[in-house]
Protein backbone atom coordinates (compact mmCIF):
# COMPACT_ATOMS: atom_id res chain seq x y z
CA UNK A 1 24.60 -42.32 19.03
CA UNK A 2 22.13 -45.15 19.73
CA UNK A 3 21.96 -46.99 23.04
CA UNK A 4 23.66 -50.10 21.64
CA UNK A 5 26.38 -48.03 19.96
CA UNK A 6 27.04 -46.42 23.34
CA UNK A 7 27.38 -49.87 24.92
CA UNK A 8 29.89 -50.96 22.30
CA UNK A 9 31.92 -47.76 22.57
CA UNK A 10 31.83 -47.73 26.36
CA UNK A 11 32.96 -51.32 26.88
CA UNK A 12 35.53 -51.09 24.08
CA UNK A 13 37.04 -48.10 25.88
CA UNK A 14 37.51 -50.28 28.95
CA UNK A 15 39.75 -52.49 26.88
CA UNK A 16 41.43 -49.68 24.93
CA UNK A 17 40.22 -51.12 21.63
CA UNK A 18 38.48 -49.25 18.79
CA UNK A 19 34.73 -49.90 18.90
CA UNK A 20 34.64 -50.73 15.19
CA UNK A 21 37.16 -53.53 15.72
CA UNK A 22 34.88 -55.12 18.33
CA UNK A 23 31.72 -55.35 16.20
CA UNK A 24 33.09 -56.72 12.95
CA UNK A 25 30.65 -54.53 11.02
CA UNK A 26 33.24 -53.26 8.53
CA UNK A 27 34.79 -56.63 7.68
CA UNK A 28 33.92 -59.22 5.09
CA UNK A 29 32.38 -62.60 5.80
CA UNK A 30 34.76 -65.56 5.81
CA UNK A 31 32.24 -68.23 6.86
CA UNK A 32 28.50 -68.39 6.20
CA UNK A 33 26.29 -71.14 7.67
CA UNK A 34 22.72 -71.30 6.43
CA UNK A 35 19.83 -73.38 7.85
CA UNK A 36 22.15 -76.18 8.98
CA UNK A 37 20.60 -79.40 10.27
CA UNK A 38 22.72 -82.21 11.73
CA UNK A 39 21.42 -85.58 12.91
CA UNK A 40 22.88 -88.64 14.61
CA UNK A 41 21.68 -92.22 14.48
CA UNK A 42 21.65 -93.65 18.02
CA UNK A 43 20.06 -96.92 19.13
CA UNK A 44 17.89 -96.99 16.05
CA UNK A 45 16.63 -93.43 16.59
CA UNK A 46 17.44 -90.10 14.97
CA UNK A 47 18.75 -87.30 17.22
CA UNK A 48 18.31 -83.79 15.78
CA UNK A 49 21.50 -82.20 17.20
CA UNK A 50 21.61 -78.97 15.11
CA UNK A 51 18.22 -77.47 14.27
CA UNK A 52 18.44 -74.94 11.46
CA UNK A 53 21.41 -72.82 12.55
CA UNK A 54 22.38 -69.79 10.44
CA UNK A 55 25.52 -67.85 11.29
CA UNK A 56 28.04 -65.54 9.61
CA UNK A 57 31.62 -65.11 10.83
CA UNK A 58 33.55 -61.98 9.83
CA UNK A 59 37.19 -62.19 8.82
CA UNK A 60 39.56 -61.53 11.76
CA UNK A 61 36.79 -61.37 14.36
CA UNK A 62 36.57 -63.38 17.59
CA UNK A 63 33.25 -65.18 17.96
CA UNK A 64 32.32 -67.03 21.15
CA UNK A 65 29.72 -69.80 21.06
CA UNK A 66 28.36 -70.43 24.55
CA UNK A 67 25.83 -72.76 26.12
CA UNK A 68 25.40 -75.72 28.44
CA UNK A 69 26.94 -79.10 27.73
CA UNK A 70 24.88 -80.77 25.02
CA UNK A 71 23.75 -77.49 23.45
CA UNK A 72 25.40 -78.43 20.14
CA UNK A 73 28.42 -76.11 20.23
CA UNK A 74 31.11 -78.70 19.47
CA UNK A 75 28.90 -80.56 17.00
CA UNK A 76 28.35 -77.34 15.07
CA UNK A 77 32.09 -76.66 14.83
CA UNK A 78 33.04 -80.25 13.96
CA UNK A 79 31.15 -79.76 10.71
CA UNK A 80 33.76 -77.16 9.73
CA UNK A 81 36.57 -79.73 9.94
CA UNK A 82 34.85 -82.92 8.80
CA UNK A 83 35.14 -84.41 12.29
CA UNK A 84 31.58 -85.61 12.84
CA UNK A 85 31.29 -89.07 14.34
CA UNK A 86 30.52 -91.82 11.80
CA UNK A 87 26.88 -91.99 12.94
CA UNK A 88 26.32 -88.29 12.25
CA UNK A 89 25.40 -86.52 9.02
CA UNK A 90 24.33 -83.14 7.67
CA UNK A 91 20.62 -83.32 6.95
CA UNK A 92 20.27 -79.97 5.23
CA UNK A 93 21.73 -76.51 4.82
CA UNK A 94 25.05 -75.11 3.65
CA UNK A 95 28.45 -74.11 5.09
CA UNK A 96 30.14 -71.71 2.70
CA UNK A 97 33.85 -71.08 3.16
CA UNK A 98 36.08 -69.48 0.50
CA UNK A 99 33.60 -70.41 -2.22
CA UNK A 100 33.35 -74.04 -1.06
CA UNK A 101 30.25 -75.64 0.47
CA UNK A 102 31.70 -77.75 3.27
CA UNK A 103 28.31 -79.37 3.79
CA UNK A 104 28.76 -81.11 0.43
CA UNK A 105 32.12 -82.70 1.31
CA UNK A 106 32.01 -86.49 1.48
CA UNK A 107 35.58 -87.77 1.23
CA UNK A 108 38.87 -87.33 3.07
CA UNK A 109 40.32 -85.93 -0.15
CA UNK A 110 37.75 -83.11 0.03
CA UNK A 111 38.54 -82.36 3.66
CA UNK A 112 42.32 -82.48 3.07
CA UNK A 113 41.89 -79.24 1.09
CA UNK A 114 40.52 -77.44 4.16
CA UNK A 115 41.33 -79.22 7.40
CA UNK A 116 44.42 -77.76 9.03
CA UNK A 117 45.44 -75.68 6.02
CA UNK A 118 42.42 -73.39 6.32
CA UNK A 119 40.55 -74.40 9.48
CA UNK A 120 42.28 -75.85 12.56
CA UNK A 121 40.97 -76.81 15.98
CA UNK A 122 42.43 -76.69 19.49
CA UNK A 123 40.65 -79.23 21.69
CA UNK A 124 39.93 -78.98 25.41
CA UNK A 125 42.09 -81.89 26.61
CA UNK A 126 45.70 -81.43 25.45
CA UNK A 127 46.86 -84.75 26.90
CA UNK A 128 44.58 -86.78 24.63
CA UNK A 129 45.48 -84.53 21.66
CA UNK A 130 49.18 -85.41 21.87
CA UNK A 131 50.94 -88.69 21.11
CA UNK A 132 52.60 -89.83 24.37
CA UNK A 133 55.21 -91.82 22.41
CA UNK A 134 56.53 -88.90 20.34
CA UNK A 135 58.42 -85.77 21.39
CA UNK A 136 56.57 -82.49 21.14
CA UNK A 137 59.08 -81.26 18.56
CA UNK A 138 58.44 -84.29 16.34
CA UNK A 139 54.68 -83.74 16.55
CA UNK A 140 54.94 -80.09 15.51
CA UNK A 141 57.30 -81.01 12.66
CA UNK A 142 54.82 -83.66 11.52
CA UNK A 143 52.20 -80.92 11.04
CA UNK A 144 54.77 -78.82 9.17
CA UNK A 145 55.66 -81.72 6.87
CA UNK A 146 52.04 -82.49 6.06
CA UNK A 147 50.68 -78.97 5.70
CA UNK A 148 53.67 -76.81 4.77
CA UNK A 149 55.90 -79.41 3.05
CA UNK A 150 58.78 -78.34 5.31
CA UNK A 151 61.47 -80.89 6.12
CA UNK A 152 64.90 -81.14 7.68
CA UNK A 153 66.54 -77.98 8.99
CA UNK A 154 63.73 -75.74 7.72
CA UNK A 155 61.11 -77.73 9.63
CA UNK A 156 63.29 -77.77 12.75
CA UNK A 157 63.79 -74.02 12.60
CA UNK A 158 60.09 -73.30 12.12
CA UNK A 159 59.17 -75.73 14.91
CA UNK A 160 61.41 -73.88 17.36
CA UNK A 161 59.90 -70.56 16.26
CA UNK A 162 56.42 -71.88 16.95
CA UNK A 163 57.41 -73.09 20.42
CA UNK A 164 58.75 -69.62 21.16
CA UNK A 165 55.59 -67.99 19.77
CA UNK A 166 53.40 -69.94 22.21
CA UNK A 167 55.58 -68.96 25.15
CA UNK A 168 57.59 -72.12 25.79
CA UNK A 169 61.13 -71.23 26.97
CA UNK A 170 64.34 -73.18 26.33
CA UNK A 171 62.92 -74.42 23.03
CA UNK A 172 65.85 -76.66 22.06
CA UNK A 173 65.54 -78.74 25.23
CA UNK A 174 61.75 -78.70 25.43
CA UNK A 175 61.37 -79.84 21.83
CA UNK A 176 63.11 -83.10 22.78
CA UNK A 177 60.75 -83.82 25.67
CA UNK A 178 57.54 -85.89 25.75
CA UNK A 179 54.03 -84.66 26.63
CA UNK A 180 54.10 -86.16 30.13
CA UNK A 181 57.07 -83.90 30.95
CA UNK A 182 54.91 -80.80 30.41
CA UNK A 183 52.32 -79.23 32.71
CA UNK A 184 48.71 -78.95 31.55
CA UNK A 185 49.16 -75.33 30.52
CA UNK A 186 52.36 -76.10 28.62
CA UNK A 187 50.70 -79.03 26.83
CA UNK A 188 47.91 -76.71 25.73
CA UNK A 189 50.56 -74.35 24.33
CA UNK A 190 52.03 -77.25 22.35
CA UNK A 191 48.60 -78.09 20.92
CA UNK A 192 48.21 -74.45 19.87
CA UNK A 193 51.65 -74.60 18.22
CA UNK A 194 50.59 -77.70 16.24
CA UNK A 195 47.46 -75.89 15.05
CA UNK A 196 49.56 -72.88 14.00
CA UNK A 197 51.95 -75.18 12.14
CA UNK A 198 49.12 -75.81 9.71
CA UNK A 199 49.02 -72.06 8.94
CA UNK A 200 45.22 -71.85 9.24
CA UNK A 201 43.03 -68.84 8.57
CA UNK A 202 40.29 -69.88 10.99
CA UNK A 203 41.16 -71.29 14.43
CA UNK A 204 38.52 -73.04 16.54
CA UNK A 205 39.26 -73.26 20.28
CA UNK A 206 37.01 -75.88 21.89
CA UNK A 207 36.96 -75.22 25.66
CA UNK A 208 40.71 -74.44 25.59
CA UNK A 209 40.90 -73.59 29.30
CA UNK A 210 38.49 -76.11 30.85
CA UNK A 211 41.15 -78.41 32.33
CA UNK A 212 43.32 -75.55 33.64
CA UNK A 213 43.32 -73.56 36.87
CA UNK A 214 42.20 -69.94 36.85
CA UNK A 215 45.69 -68.42 36.70
CA UNK A 216 46.72 -70.58 33.76
CA UNK A 217 43.37 -69.90 32.06
CA UNK A 218 44.19 -66.19 31.93
CA UNK A 219 47.63 -66.94 30.47
CA UNK A 220 46.21 -69.17 27.74
CA UNK A 221 43.52 -66.64 26.84
CA UNK A 222 46.15 -63.92 26.59
CA UNK A 223 48.32 -66.19 24.45
CA UNK A 224 45.46 -67.00 22.06
CA UNK A 225 44.66 -63.29 21.74
CA UNK A 226 48.30 -62.47 20.94
CA UNK A 227 48.53 -65.34 18.44
CA UNK A 228 45.35 -64.16 16.73
CA UNK A 229 46.78 -60.67 16.28
CA UNK A 230 50.21 -61.86 15.11
CA UNK A 231 48.90 -64.37 12.56
CA UNK A 232 45.79 -62.44 11.47
CA UNK A 233 43.43 -65.27 12.43
CA UNK A 234 39.68 -65.50 12.60
CA UNK A 235 38.89 -67.07 15.97
CA UNK A 236 35.95 -69.08 17.30
CA UNK A 237 35.75 -69.98 20.99
CA UNK A 238 33.50 -72.76 22.25
CA UNK A 239 32.72 -72.49 25.95
CA UNK A 240 30.02 -73.03 28.57
CA UNK A 241 31.33 -70.12 30.66
CA UNK A 242 30.37 -66.61 29.56
CA UNK A 243 32.85 -65.20 32.07
CA UNK A 244 35.77 -66.75 30.18
CA UNK A 245 34.99 -64.83 27.00
CA UNK A 246 33.92 -61.55 28.61
CA UNK A 247 37.16 -59.85 27.63
CA UNK A 248 38.10 -61.65 24.42
CA UNK A 249 35.00 -61.95 22.23
CA UNK A 250 33.81 -59.49 19.60
CA UNK A 251 30.46 -61.29 19.30
CA UNK A 252 28.66 -63.98 21.28
CA UNK A 253 26.29 -66.65 19.95
CA UNK A 254 24.22 -68.33 22.68
CA UNK A 255 23.22 -71.89 21.81
CA UNK A 256 20.47 -73.99 23.34
CA UNK A 257 19.17 -77.36 22.16
CA UNK A 258 20.94 -77.16 18.80
CA UNK A 259 19.80 -73.63 17.98
CA UNK A 260 21.27 -70.13 18.33
CA UNK A 261 18.83 -68.31 20.62
CA UNK A 262 20.73 -65.01 20.91
CA UNK A 263 23.46 -63.37 18.86
CA UNK A 264 25.08 -60.00 19.33
CA UNK A 265 28.18 -57.99 20.10
CA UNK A 266 29.81 -58.99 23.37
CA UNK A 267 28.67 -55.78 25.04
CA UNK A 268 25.10 -56.26 23.83
CA UNK A 269 24.82 -59.82 25.16
CA UNK A 270 26.37 -58.88 28.52
CA UNK A 271 24.69 -55.51 29.12
CA UNK A 272 21.41 -55.88 27.23
CA UNK A 273 20.56 -59.62 26.99
CA UNK A 274 17.07 -60.41 25.78
CA UNK A 275 16.59 -64.19 25.84
CA UNK A 276 15.64 -65.80 29.18
CA UNK A 277 18.24 -68.52 28.60
CA UNK A 278 20.95 -65.86 28.30
CA UNK A 279 19.65 -64.37 31.55
CA UNK A 280 19.96 -67.80 33.16
CA UNK A 281 23.52 -68.32 31.89
CA UNK A 282 24.59 -64.89 33.11
CA UNK A 283 22.90 -65.41 36.48
CA UNK A 284 24.94 -68.61 36.85
CA UNK A 285 28.26 -66.76 36.69
CA UNK A 286 30.23 -67.13 39.96
CA UNK A 287 31.09 -63.42 39.73
CA UNK A 288 27.40 -62.65 40.36
CA UNK A 289 27.26 -64.77 43.51
CA UNK A 290 26.27 -63.17 46.82
CA UNK A 291 28.13 -64.09 49.99
CA UNK A 292 26.33 -66.74 52.11
CA UNK A 293 23.78 -67.36 49.36
CA UNK A 294 23.61 -70.35 47.04
CA UNK A 295 24.83 -69.81 43.50
CA UNK A 296 22.09 -69.63 40.92
CA UNK A 297 21.44 -72.85 38.97
CA UNK A 298 19.19 -73.32 35.95
CA UNK A 299 16.34 -75.60 36.93
CA UNK A 300 15.37 -78.63 34.86
CA UNK A 301 17.24 -80.31 32.01
CA UNK A 302 17.63 -79.65 28.27
CA UNK A 303 14.96 -81.20 26.01
CA UNK A 304 15.11 -84.66 24.48
CA UNK A 305 16.36 -84.09 20.93
CA UNK A 306 15.18 -87.53 19.87
CA UNK A 307 11.70 -86.00 19.88
CA UNK A 308 10.48 -83.03 17.79
CA UNK A 309 10.64 -79.74 19.68
CA UNK A 310 7.39 -77.84 19.84
CA UNK A 311 7.53 -74.12 20.55
CA UNK A 312 10.50 -72.62 22.36
CA UNK A 313 12.87 -75.40 23.48
CA UNK A 314 13.66 -73.46 26.67
CA UNK A 315 10.01 -72.93 27.64
CA UNK A 316 9.76 -75.78 30.23
CA UNK A 317 12.70 -74.26 32.16
CA UNK A 318 11.74 -70.63 31.62
CA UNK A 319 10.01 -68.89 34.56
CA UNK A 320 8.97 -66.09 32.17
CA UNK A 321 7.47 -68.44 29.54
CA UNK A 322 4.30 -67.32 27.79
CA UNK A 323 1.55 -69.65 26.60
CA UNK A 324 2.70 -69.15 23.01
CA UNK A 325 6.18 -70.44 23.94
CA UNK A 326 4.77 -73.95 24.35
CA UNK A 327 2.98 -73.90 20.98
CA UNK A 328 5.07 -71.99 18.44
CA UNK A 329 8.79 -71.58 17.86
CA UNK A 330 9.60 -67.89 18.27
CA UNK A 331 11.11 -65.94 15.37
CA UNK A 332 14.18 -63.79 15.80
CA UNK A 333 13.46 -60.36 17.18
CA UNK A 334 15.84 -57.56 16.22
CA UNK A 335 17.22 -55.49 19.08
CA UNK A 336 19.78 -53.64 16.95
CA UNK A 337 21.43 -54.19 13.55
CA UNK A 338 23.97 -56.47 15.30
CA UNK A 339 21.78 -58.01 18.01
CA UNK A 340 18.90 -60.49 17.76
CA UNK A 341 17.21 -63.06 20.00
CA UNK A 342 14.75 -65.89 19.35
CA UNK A 343 12.12 -65.04 21.98
CA UNK A 344 8.46 -64.06 22.02
CA UNK A 345 9.32 -61.44 24.64
CA UNK A 346 10.56 -59.23 21.79
CA UNK A 347 7.14 -59.31 20.14
CA UNK A 348 5.45 -55.91 20.60
CA UNK A 349 2.36 -57.71 21.95
CA UNK A 350 4.34 -59.43 24.74
CA UNK A 351 4.20 -58.12 28.32
CA UNK A 352 7.17 -56.11 29.55
CA UNK A 353 9.56 -58.34 31.48
CA UNK A 354 12.69 -57.14 33.26
CA UNK A 355 15.79 -59.34 33.45
CA UNK A 356 16.77 -60.63 36.90
CA UNK A 357 18.50 -58.16 39.27
CA UNK A 358 21.78 -60.09 39.01
CA UNK A 359 21.83 -59.57 35.24
CA UNK A 360 21.10 -55.86 35.63
CA UNK A 361 24.16 -55.56 37.90
CA UNK A 362 26.60 -56.91 35.31
CA UNK A 363 27.64 -53.53 33.92
CA UNK A 364 28.78 -52.35 37.36
CA UNK A 365 30.64 -55.58 38.08
CA UNK A 366 32.25 -55.51 34.65
CA UNK A 367 33.54 -51.99 35.19
CA UNK A 368 34.95 -53.04 38.55
CA UNK A 369 36.98 -55.78 36.89
CA UNK A 370 35.02 -58.71 38.32
CA UNK A 371 35.42 -60.84 35.22
CA UNK A 372 38.30 -62.77 33.71
CA UNK A 373 41.60 -60.94 33.46
CA UNK A 374 41.97 -58.95 30.27
CA UNK A 375 44.18 -60.88 27.83
CA UNK A 376 45.94 -57.64 26.94
CA UNK A 377 46.93 -57.03 30.55
CA UNK A 378 45.09 -55.42 33.44
CA UNK A 379 41.50 -56.18 34.37
CA UNK A 380 38.49 -56.01 32.10
């Protein structure tokens, strides 16, 4: 057994899940993004928001896309639903889903074939996702009418089933209430129910726990995991917090400045990260904080995407940067068949560099249950 296989098997055992189910290696590809470029027109200038991203998503897997605000995570996923702002456009590449190239879609009629019925999104602010003038039951039934052509008693019955599925008790009474009568966590459950009403195959969760306290975060993560299993969904999380997805993701894609800089199985990214930006994100986790010491913060700011990026976009903020990082964009280096990182440190000619001590301590902390509560119960 190789080192990386041992990591996968070892961490999977902590969660009582088969290692093969965590890697997605034996499943087919449901979504394939190739060399995607997305630009926005702002104040007469062109902003290069997505810079040549390529990514495959396996059917029924859970993929987490992580990175700082402005890294391009939400922009990347909006292209899957046709939700780009009017000043944005796809400047190259393809997005293949079920034999359709979503990058070629131009009209609402095109997107009506996919949005909701195949790909649905749960946004981070449930209050702005819900109509304050309509009951939650009416809003779920609206999705059922539009996507499932259910009406009358059939729609009512299915709506109540969905409320029960997302853990809302007393469904008859709650269906007649308005969003302001629900807590933040309950509103997020309603938004999830609306997404499920569309009967999607791929569910995108955009920062689904950001506005919630830690206890409710764990409940929502557990709910999403249970919903994924029950409905056989493929799941994509968007988050800036690696700790949130420590116990739910099969794979992690780390984004920086509109590019995926590291991609691998969850265990590989946590226990054997290779890109300095991934080291910085992991070092920023509160779980790695030391009493009476300041929490780690990444120095500097992301690059200006109005200007062409030369070399490695993270180089100006990277204490381990090499001279070549400022001149040439690094290629992907393969760590294992499922793990790659875009860094010159993986070049055989590069000097040996060890990750920070905090990153090297993650395995021990993980085994002690220092990260987010396991969505299947117990600690990760």
